[in-house]
Amino acid sequence: MTDAEAEAFKSEIDSILAYVSAVDALVDKGDLSKAPGPVFNVFREDAVTNDPGSYTRDIVRAFPEKHGDFLKVKKILNPDSTS
């Protein structure tokens, strides 16, 4: 770091610290003696709520062209293409 860069950095740091000090003066600290209570897992247990495969059956049933559980879609790749 050059001397010029150090001087520029010093003025920037001074202004940043002054801003942080001003913000800190505005913040209500409240009662800092209170510690947070114990933390518990509040997530629910995993459980299957639907019949396995029911969504797949509904999608296959609604699709216009199918072969068993496979859906027939428009060809988008051209194997003869060189690009």
PDB file of N, CA and C in Angstrom:
ATOM      1  N   MET A   1       0.866  -1.164   0.000  1.00  0.00           N
ATOM      2  CA  MET A   1       0.000   0.000   0.000  1.00  0.00           C
ATOM      3  C   MET A   1       0.909   1.223   0.000  1.00  0.00           C
ATOM      4  N   THR A   2       0.622   2.135  -0.893  1.00  0.00           N
ATOM      5  CA  THR A   2       1.424   3.359  -0.962  1.00  0.00           C
ATOM      6  C   THR A   2       0.984   4.330   0.121  1.00  0.00           C
ATOM      7  N   ASP A   3       1.811   5.363   0.337  1.00  0.00           N
ATOM      8  CA  ASP A   3       1.465   6.374   1.339  1.00  0.00           C
ATOM      9  C   ASP A   3       0.166   7.095   0.966  1.00  0.00           C
ATOM     10  N   ALA A   4      -0.022   7.372  -0.322  1.00  0.00           N
ATOM     11  CA  ALA A   4      -1.240   8.054  -0.776  1.00  0.00           C
ATOM     12  C   ALA A   4      -2.467   7.179  -0.519  1.00  0.00           C
ATOM     13  N   GLU A   5      -2.352   5.876  -0.786  1.00  0.00           N
ATOM     14  CA  GLU A   5      -3.461   4.959  -0.536  1.00  0.00           C
ATOM     15  C   GLU A   5      -3.755   4.858   0.962  1.00  0.00           C
ATOM     16  N   ALA A   6      -2.709   4.859   1.773  1.00  0.00           N
ATOM     17  CA  ALA A   6      -2.890   4.794   3.222  1.00  0.00           C
ATOM     18  C   ALA A   6      -3.619   6.036   3.730  1.00  0.00           C
ATOM     19  N   GLU A   7      -3.281   7.212   3.214  1.00  0.00           N
ATOM     20  CA  GLU A   7      -3.954   8.452   3.618  1.00  0.00           C
ATOM     21  C   GLU A   7      -5.426   8.434   3.209  1.00  0.00           C
ATOM     22  N   ALA A   8      -5.715   7.985   1.973  1.00  0.00           N
ATOM     23  CA  ALA A   8      -7.099   7.904   1.501  1.00  0.00           C
ATOM     24  C   ALA A   8      -7.880   6.908   2.349  1.00  0.00           C
ATOM     25  N   PHE A   9      -7.267   5.778   2.662  1.00  0.00           N
ATOM     26  CA  PHE A   9      -7.915   4.756   3.482  1.00  0.00           C
ATOM     27  C   PHE A   9      -8.181   5.281   4.886  1.00  0.00           C
ATOM     28  N   LYS A  10      -7.242   6.058   5.427  1.00  0.00           N
ATOM     29  CA  LYS A  10      -7.403   6.613   6.776  1.00  0.00           C
ATOM     30  C   LYS A  10      -8.617   7.526   6.846  1.00  0.00           C
ATOM     31  N   SER A  11      -8.809   8.377   5.837  1.00  0.00           N
ATOM     32  CA  SER A  11      -9.970   9.281   5.861  1.00  0.00           C
ATOM     33  C   SER A  11     -11.273   8.507   5.682  1.00  0.00           C
ATOM     34  N   GLU A  12     -11.248   7.454   4.877  1.00  0.00           N
ATOM     35  CA  GLU A  12     -12.442   6.641   4.690  1.00  0.00           C
ATOM     36  C   GLU A  12     -12.794   5.901   5.970  1.00  0.00           C
ATOM     37  N   ILE A  13     -11.801   5.341   6.630  1.00  0.00           N
ATOM     38  CA  ILE A  13     -12.041   4.615   7.876  1.00  0.00           C
ATOM     39  C   ILE A  13     -12.598   5.556   8.933  1.00  0.00           C
ATOM     40  N   ASP A  14     -12.047   6.758   9.016  1.00  0.00           N
ATOM     41  CA  ASP A  14     -12.539   7.727  10.000  1.00  0.00           C
ATOM     42  C   ASP A  14     -14.017   8.045   9.770  1.00  0.00           C
ATOM     43  N   SER A  15     -14.419   8.242   8.514  1.00  0.00           N
ATOM     44  CA  SER A  15     -15.822   8.563   8.235  1.00  0.00           C
ATOM     45  C   SER A  15     -16.732   7.351   8.487  1.00  0.00           C
ATOM     46  N   ILE A  16     -16.245   6.160   8.185  1.00  0.00           N
ATOM     47  CA  ILE A  16     -17.033   4.952   8.438  1.00  0.00           C
ATOM     48  C   ILE A  16     -17.242   4.765   9.940  1.00  0.00           C
ATOM     49  N   LEU A  17     -16.183   4.931  10.719  1.00  0.00           N
ATOM     50  CA  LEU A  17     -16.294   4.775  12.167  1.00  0.00           C
ATOM     51  C   LEU A  17     -17.208   5.837  12.779  1.00  0.00           C
ATOM     52  N   ALA A  18     -17.166   7.049  12.244  1.00  0.00           N
ATOM     53  CA  ALA A  18     -18.054   8.107  12.737  1.00  0.00           C
ATOM     54  C   ALA A  18     -19.510   7.752  12.454  1.00  0.00           C
ATOM     55  N   TYR A  19     -19.788   7.197  11.267  1.00  0.00           N
ATOM     56  CA  TYR A  19     -21.149   6.801  10.917  1.00  0.00           C
ATOM     57  C   TYR A  19     -21.637   5.674  11.822  1.00  0.00           C
ATOM     58  N   VAL A  20     -20.782   4.663  12.040  1.00  0.00           N
ATOM     59  CA  VAL A  20     -21.151   3.542  12.893  1.00  0.00           C
ATOM     60  C   VAL A  20     -21.413   4.024  14.313  1.00  0.00           C
ATOM     61  N   SER A  21     -20.617   4.954  14.777  1.00  0.00           N
ATOM     62  CA  SER A  21     -20.804   5.505  16.118  1.00  0.00           C
ATOM     63  C   SER A  21     -22.147   6.240  16.221  1.00  0.00           C
ATOM     64  N   ALA A  22     -22.512   6.996  15.178  1.00  0.00           N
ATOM     65  CA  ALA A  22     -23.791   7.715  15.178  1.00  0.00           C
ATOM     66  C   ALA A  22     -24.960   6.731  15.178  1.00  0.00           C
ATOM     67  N   VAL A  23     -24.877   5.671  14.386  1.00  0.00           N
ATOM     68  CA  VAL A  23     -25.938   4.663  14.342  1.00  0.00           C
ATOM     69  C   VAL A  23     -26.022   3.940  15.677  1.00  0.00           C
ATOM     70  N   ASP A  24     -24.883   3.608  16.253  1.00  0.00           N
ATOM     71  CA  ASP A  24     -24.846   2.917  17.531  1.00  0.00           C
ATOM     72  C   ASP A  24     -25.516   3.741  18.628  1.00  0.00           C
ATOM     73  N   ALA A  25     -25.385   5.058  18.558  1.00  0.00           N
ATOM     74  CA  ALA A  25     -26.004   5.921  19.566  1.00  0.00           C
ATOM     75  C   ALA A  25     -27.526   5.892  19.451  1.00  0.00           C
ATOM     76  N   LEU A  26     -28.061   5.628  18.266  1.00  0.00           N
ATOM     77  CA  LEU A  26     -29.505   5.618  18.050  1.00  0.00           C
ATOM     78  C   LEU A  26     -30.159   4.288  18.427  1.00  0.00           C
ATOM     79  N   VAL A  27     -29.391   3.221  18.469  1.00  0.00           N
ATOM     80  CA  VAL A  27     -29.937   1.891  18.707  1.00  0.00           C
ATOM     81  C   VAL A  27     -30.233   1.717  20.190  1.00  0.00           C
ATOM     82  N   ASP A  28     -31.463   1.250  20.483  1.00  0.00           N
ATOM     83  CA  ASP A  28     -31.864   0.981  21.862  1.00  0.00           C
ATOM     84  C   ASP A  28     -31.294  -0.369  22.264  1.00  0.00           C
ATOM     85  N   LYS A  29     -30.430  -0.367  23.224  1.00  0.00           N
ATOM     86  CA  LYS A  29     -29.776  -1.609  23.643  1.00  0.00           C
ATOM     87  C   LYS A  29     -30.705  -2.499  24.456  1.00  0.00           C
ATOM     88  N   GLY A  30     -31.684  -1.921  25.126  1.00  0.00           N
ATOM     89  CA  GLY A  30     -32.597  -2.714  25.937  1.00  0.00           C
ATOM     90  C   GLY A  30     -31.864  -3.393  27.073  1.00  0.00           C
ATOM     91  N   ASP A  31     -32.436  -4.455  27.567  1.00  0.00           N
ATOM     92  CA  ASP A  31     -31.825  -5.213  28.657  1.00  0.00           C
ATOM     93  C   ASP A  31     -30.962  -6.314  28.045  1.00  0.00           C
ATOM     94  N   LEU A  32     -29.643  -6.100  28.064  1.00  0.00           N
ATOM     95  CA  LEU A  32     -28.729  -7.063  27.453  1.00  0.00           C
ATOM     96  C   LEU A  32     -28.406  -8.232  28.382  1.00  0.00           C
ATOM     97  N   SER A  33     -28.937  -8.207  29.590  1.00  0.00           N
ATOM     98  CA  SER A  33     -28.628  -9.280  30.528  1.00  0.00           C
ATOM     99  C   SER A  33     -29.460 -10.535  30.258  1.00  0.00           C
ATOM    100  N   LYS A  34     -30.519 -10.412  29.482  1.00  0.00           N
ATOM    101  CA  LYS A  34     -31.370 -11.561  29.184  1.00  0.00           C
ATOM    102  C   LYS A  34     -30.718 -12.425  28.104  1.00  0.00           C
ATOM    103  N   ALA A  35     -30.604 -13.687  28.391  1.00  0.00           N
ATOM    104  CA  ALA A  35     -30.065 -14.625  27.410  1.00  0.00           C
ATOM    105  C   ALA A  35     -31.239 -15.344  26.751  1.00  0.00           C
ATOM    106  N   PRO A  36     -31.082 -15.761  25.498  1.00  0.00           N
ATOM    107  CA  PRO A  36     -32.175 -16.492  24.848  1.00  0.00           C
ATOM    108  C   PRO A  36     -32.402 -17.824  25.539  1.00  0.00           C
ATOM    109  N   GLY A  37     -33.638 -18.275  25.509  1.00  0.00           N
ATOM    110  CA  GLY A  37     -33.997 -19.551  26.129  1.00  0.00           C
ATOM    111  C   GLY A  37     -33.531 -20.718  25.292  1.00  0.00           C
ATOM    112  N   PRO A  38     -33.839 -21.916  25.725  1.00  0.00           N
ATOM    113  CA  PRO A  38     -33.428 -23.103  24.976  1.00  0.00           C
ATOM    114  C   PRO A  38     -34.129 -23.149  23.612  1.00  0.00           C
ATOM    115  N   VAL A  39     -33.461 -23.747  22.672  1.00  0.00           N
ATOM    116  CA  VAL A  39     -33.988 -23.836  21.310  1.00  0.00           C
ATOM    117  C   VAL A  39     -34.435 -25.274  21.069  1.00  0.00           C
ATOM    118  N   PHE A  40     -35.635 -25.422  20.547  1.00  0.00           N
ATOM    119  CA  PHE A  40     -36.193 -26.745  20.256  1.00  0.00           C
ATOM    120  C   PHE A  40     -36.473 -26.865  18.768  1.00  0.00           C
ATOM    121  N   ASN A  41     -36.455 -28.087  18.278  1.00  0.00           N
ATOM    122  CA  ASN A  41     -36.795 -28.350  16.892  1.00  0.00           C
ATOM    123  C   ASN A  41     -38.301 -28.173  16.726  1.00  0.00           C
ATOM    124  N   VAL A  42     -38.710 -27.244  15.874  1.00  0.00           N
ATOM    125  CA  VAL A  42     -40.132 -26.960  15.699  1.00  0.00           C
ATOM    126  C   VAL A  42     -40.674 -27.522  14.380  1.00  0.00           C
ATOM    127  N   PHE A  43     -39.873 -28.327  13.696  1.00  0.00           N
ATOM    128  CA  PHE A  43     -40.319 -28.899  12.434  1.00  0.00           C
ATOM    129  C   PHE A  43     -41.173 -30.133  12.694  1.00  0.00           C
ATOM    130  N   ARG A  44     -42.108 -30.379  11.808  1.00  0.00           N
ATOM    131  CA  ARG A  44     -42.966 -31.546  11.945  1.00  0.00           C
ATOM    132  C   ARG A  44     -42.223 -32.784  11.460  1.00  0.00           C
ATOM    133  N   GLU A  45     -42.690 -33.927  11.877  1.00  0.00           N
ATOM    134  CA  GLU A  45     -42.134 -35.194  11.412  1.00  0.00           C
ATOM    135  C   GLU A  45     -42.544 -35.407   9.957  1.00  0.00           C
ATOM    136  N   ASP A  46     -41.665 -35.997   9.176  1.00  0.00           N
ATOM    137  CA  ASP A  46     -42.009 -36.315   7.791  1.00  0.00           C
ATOM    138  C   ASP A  46     -43.020 -37.446   7.776  1.00  0.00           C
ATOM    139  N   ALA A  47     -44.041 -37.280   6.959  1.00  0.00           N
ATOM    140  CA  ALA A  47     -45.055 -38.320   6.828  1.00  0.00           C
ATOM    141  C   ALA A  47     -45.622 -38.271   5.414  1.00  0.00           C
ATOM    142  N   VAL A  48     -45.913 -39.427   4.857  1.00  0.00           N
ATOM    143  CA  VAL A  48     -46.529 -39.506   3.537  1.00  0.00           C
ATOM    144  C   VAL A  48     -47.998 -39.153   3.702  1.00  0.00           C
ATOM    145  N   THR A  49     -48.434 -38.125   2.971  1.00  0.00           N
ATOM    146  CA  THR A  49     -49.822 -37.672   3.112  1.00  0.00           C
ATOM    147  C   THR A  49     -50.667 -37.992   1.887  1.00  0.00           C
ATOM    148  N   ASN A  50     -50.076 -38.664   0.905  1.00  0.00           N
ATOM    149  CA  ASN A  50     -50.843 -39.035  -0.279  1.00  0.00           C
ATOM    150  C   ASN A  50     -50.482 -40.464  -0.671  1.00  0.00           C
ATOM    151  N   ASP A  51     -51.298 -41.028  -1.517  1.00  0.00           N
ATOM    152  CA  ASP A  51     -51.058 -42.378  -2.031  1.00  0.00           C
ATOM    153  C   ASP A  51     -49.823 -42.328  -2.946  1.00  0.00           C
ATOM    154  N   PRO A  52     -48.766 -43.107  -2.661  1.00  0.00           N
ATOM    155  CA  PRO A  52     -47.583 -43.080  -3.521  1.00  0.00           C
ATOM    156  C   PRO A  52     -47.942 -43.386  -4.975  1.00  0.00           C
ATOM    157  N   GLY A  53     -47.484 -42.556  -5.877  1.00  0.00           N
ATOM    158  CA  GLY A  53     -47.751 -42.738  -7.296  1.00  0.00           C
ATOM    159  C   GLY A  53     -49.024 -42.091  -7.789  1.00  0.00           C
ATOM    160  N   SER A  54     -49.821 -41.503  -6.900  1.00  0.00           N
ATOM    161  CA  SER A  54     -51.106 -40.942  -7.331  1.00  0.00           C
ATOM    162  C   SER A  54     -50.904 -39.748  -8.268  1.00  0.00           C
ATOM    163  N   TYR A  55     -49.899 -38.922  -8.006  1.00  0.00           N
ATOM    164  CA  TYR A  55     -49.656 -37.778  -8.895  1.00  0.00           C
ATOM    165  C   TYR A  55     -49.224 -38.258 -10.268  1.00  0.00           C
ATOM    166  N   THR A  56     -48.367 -39.279 -10.301  1.00  0.00           N
ATOM    167  CA  THR A  56     -47.925 -39.834 -11.583  1.00  0.00           C
ATOM    168  C   THR A  56     -49.104 -40.395 -12.353  1.00  0.00           C
ATOM    169  N   ARG A  57     -49.965 -41.145 -11.692  1.00  0.00           N
ATOM    170  CA  ARG A  57     -51.140 -41.711 -12.374  1.00  0.00           C
ATOM    171  C   ARG A  57     -52.032 -40.607 -12.932  1.00  0.00           C
ATOM    172  N   ASP A  58     -52.241 -39.542 -12.173  1.00  0.00           N
ATOM    173  CA  ASP A  58     -53.085 -38.441 -12.639  1.00  0.00           C
ATOM    174  C   ASP A  58     -52.485 -37.761 -13.869  1.00  0.00           C
ATOM    175  N   ILE A  59     -51.173 -37.560 -13.864  1.00  0.00           N
ATOM    176  CA  ILE A  59     -50.516 -36.907 -15.005  1.00  0.00           C
ATOM    177  C   ILE A  59     -50.583 -37.803 -16.232  1.00  0.00           C
ATOM    178  N   VAL A  60     -50.262 -39.079 -16.069  1.00  0.00           N
ATOM    179  CA  VAL A  60     -50.296 -40.003 -17.207  1.00  0.00           C
ATOM    180  C   VAL A  60     -51.714 -40.117 -17.753  1.00  0.00           C
ATOM    181  N   ARG A  61     -52.696 -40.179 -16.882  1.00  0.00           N
ATOM    182  CA  ARG A  61     -54.097 -40.291 -17.310  1.00  0.00           C
ATOM    183  C   ARG A  61     -54.520 -39.063 -18.126  1.00  0.00           C
ATOM    184  N   ALA A  62     -54.018 -37.874 -17.761  1.00  0.00           N
ATOM    185  CA  ALA A  62     -54.434 -36.641 -18.438  1.00  0.00           C
ATOM    186  C   ALA A  62     -53.639 -36.365 -19.714  1.00  0.00           C
ATOM    187  N   PHE A  63     -52.521 -37.060 -19.932  1.00  0.00           N
ATOM    188  CA  PHE A  63     -51.670 -36.784 -21.086  1.00  0.00           C
ATOM    189  C   PHE A  63     -52.289 -37.372 -22.343  1.00  0.00           C
ATOM    190  N   PRO A  64     -52.251 -36.631 -23.471  1.00  0.00           N
ATOM    191  CA  PRO A  64     -52.933 -37.101 -24.679  1.00  0.00           C
ATOM    192  C   PRO A  64     -52.316 -38.356 -25.309  1.00  0.00           C
ATOM    193  N   GLU A  65     -50.989 -38.460 -25.366  1.00  0.00           N
ATOM    194  CA  GLU A  65     -50.366 -39.633 -25.977  1.00  0.00           C
ATOM    195  C   GLU A  65     -49.419 -40.267 -24.974  1.00  0.00           C
ATOM    196  N   LYS A  66     -49.605 -41.580 -24.780  1.00  0.00           N
ATOM    197  CA  LYS A  66     -48.779 -42.275 -23.787  1.00  0.00           C
ATOM    198  C   LYS A  66     -48.573 -43.723 -24.203  1.00  0.00           C
ATOM    199  N   HIS A  67     -47.556 -44.325 -23.591  1.00  0.00           N
ATOM    200  CA  HIS A  67     -47.273 -45.745 -23.783  1.00  0.00           C
ATOM    201  C   HIS A  67     -46.940 -46.284 -22.405  1.00  0.00           C
ATOM    202  N   GLY A  68     -47.893 -46.936 -21.763  1.00  0.00           N
ATOM    203  CA  GLY A  68     -47.701 -47.379 -20.386  1.00  0.00           C
ATOM    204  C   GLY A  68     -47.595 -46.157 -19.475  1.00  0.00           C
ATOM    205  N   ASP A  69     -46.525 -46.086 -18.701  1.00  0.00           N
ATOM    206  CA  ASP A  69     -46.305 -44.927 -17.834  1.00  0.00           C
ATOM    207  C   ASP A  69     -45.405 -43.880 -18.486  1.00  0.00           C
ATOM    208  N   PHE A  70     -45.103 -44.038 -19.782  1.00  0.00           N
ATOM    209  CA  PHE A  70     -44.260 -43.090 -20.500  1.00  0.00           C
ATOM    210  C   PHE A  70     -45.122 -42.129 -21.304  1.00  0.00           C
ATOM    211  N   LEU A  71     -44.727 -40.875 -21.350  1.00  0.00           N
ATOM    212  CA  LEU A  71     -45.454 -39.856 -22.080  1.00  0.00           C
ATOM    213  C   LEU A  71     -44.794 -39.619 -23.430  1.00  0.00           C
ATOM    214  N   LYS A  72     -45.588 -39.594 -24.485  1.00  0.00           N
ATOM    215  CA  LYS A  72     -45.048 -39.352 -25.813  1.00  0.00           C
ATOM    216  C   LYS A  72     -45.058 -37.852 -26.066  1.00  0.00           C
ATOM    217  N   VAL A  73     -43.861 -37.308 -26.366  1.00  0.00           N
ATOM    218  CA  VAL A  73     -43.730 -35.865 -26.591  1.00  0.00           C
ATOM    219  C   VAL A  73     -43.123 -35.611 -27.958  1.00  0.00           C
ATOM    220  N   LYS A  74     -43.188 -34.376 -28.392  1.00  0.00           N
ATOM    221  CA  LYS A  74     -42.653 -33.975 -29.681  1.00  0.00           C
ATOM    222  C   LYS A  74     -41.134 -34.130 -29.674  1.00  0.00           C
ATOM    223  N   LYS A  75     -40.584 -34.626 -30.777  1.00  0.00           N
ATOM    224  CA  LYS A  75     -39.148 -34.800 -30.920  1.00  0.00           C
ATOM    225  C   LYS A  75     -38.498 -33.419 -31.035  1.00  0.00           C
ATOM    226  N   ILE A  76     -37.476 -33.180 -30.198  1.00  0.00           N
ATOM    227  CA  ILE A  76     -36.838 -31.867 -30.241  1.00  0.00           C
ATOM    228  C   ILE A  76     -35.373 -31.955 -30.667  1.00  0.00           C
ATOM    229  N   LEU A  77     -34.814 -33.157 -30.694  1.00  0.00           N
ATOM    230  CA  LEU A  77     -33.426 -33.346 -31.106  1.00  0.00           C
ATOM    231  C   LEU A  77     -33.380 -34.022 -32.461  1.00  0.00           C
ATOM    232  N   ASN A  78     -32.467 -33.595 -33.294  1.00  0.00           N
ATOM    233  CA  ASN A  78     -32.316 -34.174 -34.605  1.00  0.00           C
ATOM    234  C   ASN A  78     -30.973 -34.923 -34.632  1.00  0.00           C
ATOM    235  N   PRO A  79     -30.988 -36.265 -34.597  1.00  0.00           N
ATOM    236  CA  PRO A  79     -29.730 -37.010 -34.543  1.00  0.00           C
ATOM    237  C   PRO A  79     -28.901 -36.857 -35.817  1.00  0.00           C
ATOM    238  N   ASP A  80     -29.505 -36.452 -36.944  1.00  0.00           N
ATOM    239  CA  ASP A  80     -28.790 -36.290 -38.197  1.00  0.00           C
ATOM    240  C   ASP A  80     -28.099 -34.934 -38.287  1.00  0.00           C
ATOM    241  N   SER A  81     -28.370 -34.046 -37.377  1.00  0.00           N
ATOM    242  CA  SER A  81     -27.805 -32.698 -37.419  1.00  0.00           C
ATOM    243  C   SER A  81     -26.331 -32.740 -37.046  1.00  0.00           C
ATOM    244  N   THR A  82     -25.511 -31.955 -37.746  1.00  0.00           N
ATOM    245  CA  THR A  82     -24.074 -31.894 -37.473  1.00  0.00           C
ATOM    246  C   THR A  82     -23.699 -30.691 -36.614  1.00  0.00           C
ATOM    247  N   SER A  83     -24.639 -29.844 -36.274  1.00  0.00           N
ATOM    248  CA  SER A  83     -24.306 -28.663 -35.476  1.00  0.00           C
ATOM    249  C   SER A  83     -24.690 -28.812 -34.047  1.00  0.00           C
TER     250      SER A  83
END
